[in-house]
Amino acid sequence: MAVLQRLLSERCVASLPSPDTNLLKFGLTSLDMINLVLSLEAEFDLVIPEGSITPKNLLSVAAICQLITSLMKTNSVSSG
């Protein structure tokens, strides 16, 4: 949420979306979405595979949380 909150505050959006709200309703552009992916990768020290960078995985808080959780589980299994 902190990553998304920083991105939205840069767009002068004070409120956080509900988990299922489409983030494009907040005026995010495709460049913002790229910055979101890069910020998520840095924040969670992981790589989001190109095939996972889809609207389905990035257009809501719930979808982003599900994606990050899935990738973190995969990474912990791979490294463990």
N, C-alpha and C. Protein backbone atom coordinates (compact mmCIF):
# COMPACT_ATOMS: atom_id res chain seq x y z
N MET A 1 0.82 -1.20 0.00
CA MET A 1 0.00 0.00 0.00
C MET A 1 0.86 1.26 0.00
N ALA A 2 2.01 1.21 0.68
CA ALA A 2 2.88 2.39 0.75
C ALA A 2 3.39 2.77 -0.64
N VAL A 3 3.70 1.78 -1.45
CA VAL A 3 4.18 2.05 -2.81
C VAL A 3 3.09 2.75 -3.60
N LEU A 4 1.89 2.25 -3.54
CA LEU A 4 0.78 2.83 -4.26
C LEU A 4 0.43 4.21 -3.71
N GLN A 5 0.49 4.36 -2.42
CA GLN A 5 0.19 5.65 -1.80
C GLN A 5 1.17 6.72 -2.28
N ARG A 6 2.46 6.38 -2.39
CA ARG A 6 3.45 7.33 -2.90
C ARG A 6 3.12 7.73 -4.33
N LEU A 7 2.79 6.75 -5.14
CA LEU A 7 2.46 7.02 -6.54
C LEU A 7 1.22 7.91 -6.65
N LEU A 8 0.21 7.61 -5.89
CA LEU A 8 -1.01 8.41 -5.94
C LEU A 8 -0.80 9.82 -5.40
N SER A 9 0.04 9.95 -4.38
CA SER A 9 0.29 11.29 -3.84
C SER A 9 1.03 12.16 -4.85
N GLU A 10 1.87 11.55 -5.69
CA GLU A 10 2.53 12.28 -6.77
C GLU A 10 1.50 12.80 -7.77
N ARG A 11 0.36 12.13 -7.87
CA ARG A 11 -0.72 12.54 -8.78
C ARG A 11 -1.74 13.40 -8.05
N CYS A 12 -1.40 13.84 -6.81
CA CYS A 12 -2.27 14.69 -5.99
C CYS A 12 -3.58 14.00 -5.61
N VAL A 13 -3.51 12.69 -5.41
CA VAL A 13 -4.67 11.92 -4.94
C VAL A 13 -4.45 11.63 -3.46
N ALA A 14 -5.31 12.18 -2.63
CA ALA A 14 -5.12 12.05 -1.18
C ALA A 14 -5.68 10.75 -0.61
N SER A 15 -6.73 10.24 -1.21
CA SER A 15 -7.36 9.04 -0.64
C SER A 15 -6.84 7.78 -1.30
N LEU A 16 -6.88 6.71 -0.55
CA LEU A 16 -6.48 5.41 -1.08
C LEU A 16 -7.71 4.70 -1.63
N PRO A 17 -7.52 3.97 -2.71
CA PRO A 17 -8.66 3.24 -3.28
C PRO A 17 -9.04 2.05 -2.43
N SER A 18 -10.28 1.62 -2.58
CA SER A 18 -10.69 0.38 -1.94
C SER A 18 -9.99 -0.76 -2.68
N PRO A 19 -9.92 -1.94 -2.09
CA PRO A 19 -9.16 -3.03 -2.70
C PRO A 19 -9.55 -3.39 -4.13
N ASP A 20 -10.81 -3.23 -4.50
CA ASP A 20 -11.24 -3.63 -5.83
C ASP A 20 -11.45 -2.48 -6.81
N THR A 21 -11.12 -1.27 -6.41
CA THR A 21 -11.28 -0.12 -7.29
C THR A 21 -10.26 -0.15 -8.41
N ASN A 22 -10.72 0.09 -9.64
CA ASN A 22 -9.82 0.15 -10.79
C ASN A 22 -8.93 1.38 -10.64
N LEU A 23 -7.61 1.17 -10.61
CA LEU A 23 -6.67 2.26 -10.38
C LEU A 23 -6.65 3.28 -11.51
N LEU A 24 -7.10 2.92 -12.68
CA LEU A 24 -7.15 3.87 -13.78
C LEU A 24 -8.15 4.99 -13.49
N LYS A 25 -9.10 4.76 -12.59
CA LYS A 25 -10.06 5.78 -12.21
C LYS A 25 -9.39 6.93 -11.45
N PHE A 26 -8.15 6.69 -11.00
CA PHE A 26 -7.40 7.72 -10.29
C PHE A 26 -6.49 8.50 -11.23
N GLY A 27 -6.63 8.27 -12.53
CA GLY A 27 -5.86 9.01 -13.52
C GLY A 27 -4.47 8.48 -13.78
N LEU A 28 -4.21 7.24 -13.37
CA LEU A 28 -2.88 6.67 -13.63
C LEU A 28 -2.71 6.39 -15.11
N THR A 29 -1.53 6.69 -15.61
CA THR A 29 -1.21 6.47 -17.02
C THR A 29 -0.40 5.18 -17.17
N SER A 30 -0.13 4.81 -18.40
CA SER A 30 0.70 3.62 -18.62
C SER A 30 2.10 3.83 -18.05
N LEU A 31 2.61 5.04 -18.10
CA LEU A 31 3.92 5.32 -17.49
C LEU A 31 3.85 5.16 -15.98
N ASP A 32 2.76 5.60 -15.38
CA ASP A 32 2.58 5.40 -13.93
C ASP A 32 2.58 3.92 -13.59
N MET A 33 1.95 3.12 -14.43
CA MET A 33 1.88 1.68 -14.17
C MET A 33 3.28 1.06 -14.26
N ILE A 34 4.09 1.53 -15.20
CA ILE A 34 5.47 1.05 -15.30
C ILE A 34 6.23 1.44 -14.04
N ASN A 35 6.06 2.67 -13.60
CA ASN A 35 6.71 3.11 -12.37
C ASN A 35 6.23 2.30 -11.17
N LEU A 36 4.96 1.93 -11.17
CA LEU A 36 4.43 1.10 -10.10
C LEU A 36 5.12 -0.26 -10.08
N VAL A 37 5.26 -0.87 -11.24
CA VAL A 37 5.95 -2.17 -11.34
C VAL A 37 7.38 -2.05 -10.82
N LEU A 38 8.10 -1.03 -11.27
CA LEU A 38 9.49 -0.85 -10.82
C LEU A 38 9.57 -0.60 -9.32
N SER A 39 8.63 0.17 -8.79
CA SER A 39 8.61 0.44 -7.36
C SER A 39 8.30 -0.82 -6.56
N LEU A 40 7.37 -1.62 -7.05
CA LEU A 40 7.04 -2.87 -6.37
C LEU A 40 8.24 -3.81 -6.37
N GLU A 41 8.93 -3.90 -7.49
CA GLU A 41 10.12 -4.76 -7.57
C GLU A 41 11.17 -4.31 -6.57
N ALA A 42 11.40 -3.01 -6.47
CA ALA A 42 12.39 -2.49 -5.53
C ALA A 42 11.95 -2.68 -4.08
N GLU A 43 10.70 -2.39 -3.81
CA GLU A 43 10.18 -2.48 -2.44
C GLU A 43 10.24 -3.91 -1.90
N PHE A 44 9.92 -4.88 -2.74
CA PHE A 44 9.83 -6.27 -2.29
C PHE A 44 11.02 -7.12 -2.73
N ASP A 45 12.02 -6.49 -3.35
CA ASP A 45 13.23 -7.17 -3.79
C ASP A 45 12.90 -8.42 -4.61
N LEU A 46 12.11 -8.21 -5.65
CA LEU A 46 11.74 -9.32 -6.53
C LEU A 46 11.62 -8.80 -7.96
N VAL A 47 11.55 -9.74 -8.88
CA VAL A 47 11.35 -9.41 -10.29
C VAL A 47 9.96 -9.87 -10.69
N ILE A 48 9.21 -8.96 -11.25
CA ILE A 48 7.88 -9.32 -11.75
C ILE A 48 8.08 -9.78 -13.19
N PRO A 49 7.83 -11.05 -13.47
CA PRO A 49 8.03 -11.55 -14.83
C PRO A 49 7.19 -10.78 -15.85
N GLU A 50 7.74 -10.62 -17.03
CA GLU A 50 7.06 -9.87 -18.07
C GLU A 50 5.64 -10.38 -18.31
N GLY A 51 5.46 -11.69 -18.27
CA GLY A 51 4.14 -12.28 -18.49
C GLY A 51 3.14 -11.95 -17.40
N SER A 52 3.62 -11.49 -16.24
CA SER A 52 2.74 -11.14 -15.13
C SER A 52 2.37 -9.67 -15.12
N ILE A 53 3.00 -8.89 -15.99
CA ILE A 53 2.71 -7.46 -16.06
C ILE A 53 1.53 -7.26 -17.00
N THR A 54 0.36 -7.50 -16.44
CA THR A 54 -0.89 -7.43 -17.20
C THR A 54 -1.90 -6.58 -16.43
N PRO A 55 -2.88 -6.03 -17.13
CA PRO A 55 -3.92 -5.27 -16.42
C PRO A 55 -4.59 -6.08 -15.32
N LYS A 56 -4.82 -7.35 -15.58
CA LYS A 56 -5.47 -8.22 -14.59
C LYS A 56 -4.71 -8.20 -13.27
N ASN A 57 -3.39 -8.14 -13.32
CA ASN A 57 -2.56 -8.20 -12.11
C ASN A 57 -2.26 -6.84 -11.49
N LEU A 58 -2.56 -5.74 -12.19
CA LEU A 58 -2.10 -4.44 -11.71
C LEU A 58 -3.17 -3.37 -11.56
N LEU A 59 -4.41 -3.66 -11.89
CA LEU A 59 -5.41 -2.59 -11.91
C LEU A 59 -6.18 -2.40 -10.63
N SER A 60 -5.85 -3.16 -9.59
CA SER A 60 -6.49 -2.93 -8.29
C SER A 60 -5.52 -3.31 -7.18
N VAL A 61 -5.78 -2.78 -6.01
CA VAL A 61 -4.95 -3.11 -4.85
C VAL A 61 -5.01 -4.61 -4.58
N ALA A 62 -6.19 -5.18 -4.67
CA ALA A 62 -6.34 -6.62 -4.41
C ALA A 62 -5.52 -7.44 -5.39
N ALA A 63 -5.56 -7.07 -6.66
CA ALA A 63 -4.80 -7.81 -7.68
C ALA A 63 -3.29 -7.68 -7.45
N ILE A 64 -2.85 -6.49 -7.09
CA ILE A 64 -1.42 -6.27 -6.83
C ILE A 64 -0.98 -7.09 -5.62
N CYS A 65 -1.77 -7.08 -4.57
CA CYS A 65 -1.44 -7.86 -3.36
C CYS A 65 -1.35 -9.35 -3.69
N GLN A 66 -2.29 -9.82 -4.48
CA GLN A 66 -2.29 -11.23 -4.87
C GLN A 66 -1.04 -11.57 -5.69
N LEU A 67 -0.68 -10.70 -6.63
CA LEU A 67 0.50 -10.91 -7.45
C LEU A 67 1.77 -10.95 -6.59
N ILE A 68 1.93 -9.96 -5.73
CA ILE A 68 3.13 -9.88 -4.89
C ILE A 68 3.21 -11.08 -3.95
N THR A 69 2.10 -11.44 -3.34
CA THR A 69 2.08 -12.61 -2.45
C THR A 69 2.49 -13.87 -3.20
N SER A 70 1.95 -14.04 -4.38
CA SER A 70 2.28 -15.22 -5.20
C SER A 70 3.76 -15.24 -5.56
N LEU A 71 4.29 -14.09 -5.97
CA LEU A 71 5.71 -14.04 -6.35
C LEU A 71 6.63 -14.26 -5.15
N MET A 72 6.24 -13.74 -4.00
CA MET A 72 7.07 -13.93 -2.81
C MET A 72 7.07 -15.39 -2.37
N LYS A 73 5.93 -16.06 -2.49
CA LYS A 73 5.87 -17.49 -2.17
C LYS A 73 6.74 -18.28 -3.13
N THR A 74 6.67 -17.95 -4.40
CA THR A 74 7.49 -18.62 -5.41
C THR A 74 8.97 -18.41 -5.13
N ASN A 75 9.34 -17.18 -4.78
CA ASN A 75 10.74 -16.88 -4.49
C ASN A 75 11.23 -17.60 -3.25
N SER A 76 10.39 -17.71 -2.22
CA SER A 76 10.83 -18.39 -1.00
C SER A 76 10.98 -19.89 -1.23
N VAL A 77 10.16 -20.47 -2.08
CA VAL A 77 10.29 -21.89 -2.42
C VAL A 77 11.55 -22.11 -3.24
N SER A 78 11.83 -21.20 -4.17
CA SER A 78 13.00 -21.32 -5.04
C SER A 78 14.30 -21.19 -4.26
N SER A 79 14.31 -20.28 -3.27
CA SER A 79 15.54 -20.04 -2.53
C SER A 79 15.68 -20.96 -1.32
N GLY A 80 14.64 -21.65 -0.94
CA GLY A 80 14.64 -22.46 0.27
C GLY A 80 14.97 -23.84 -0.03
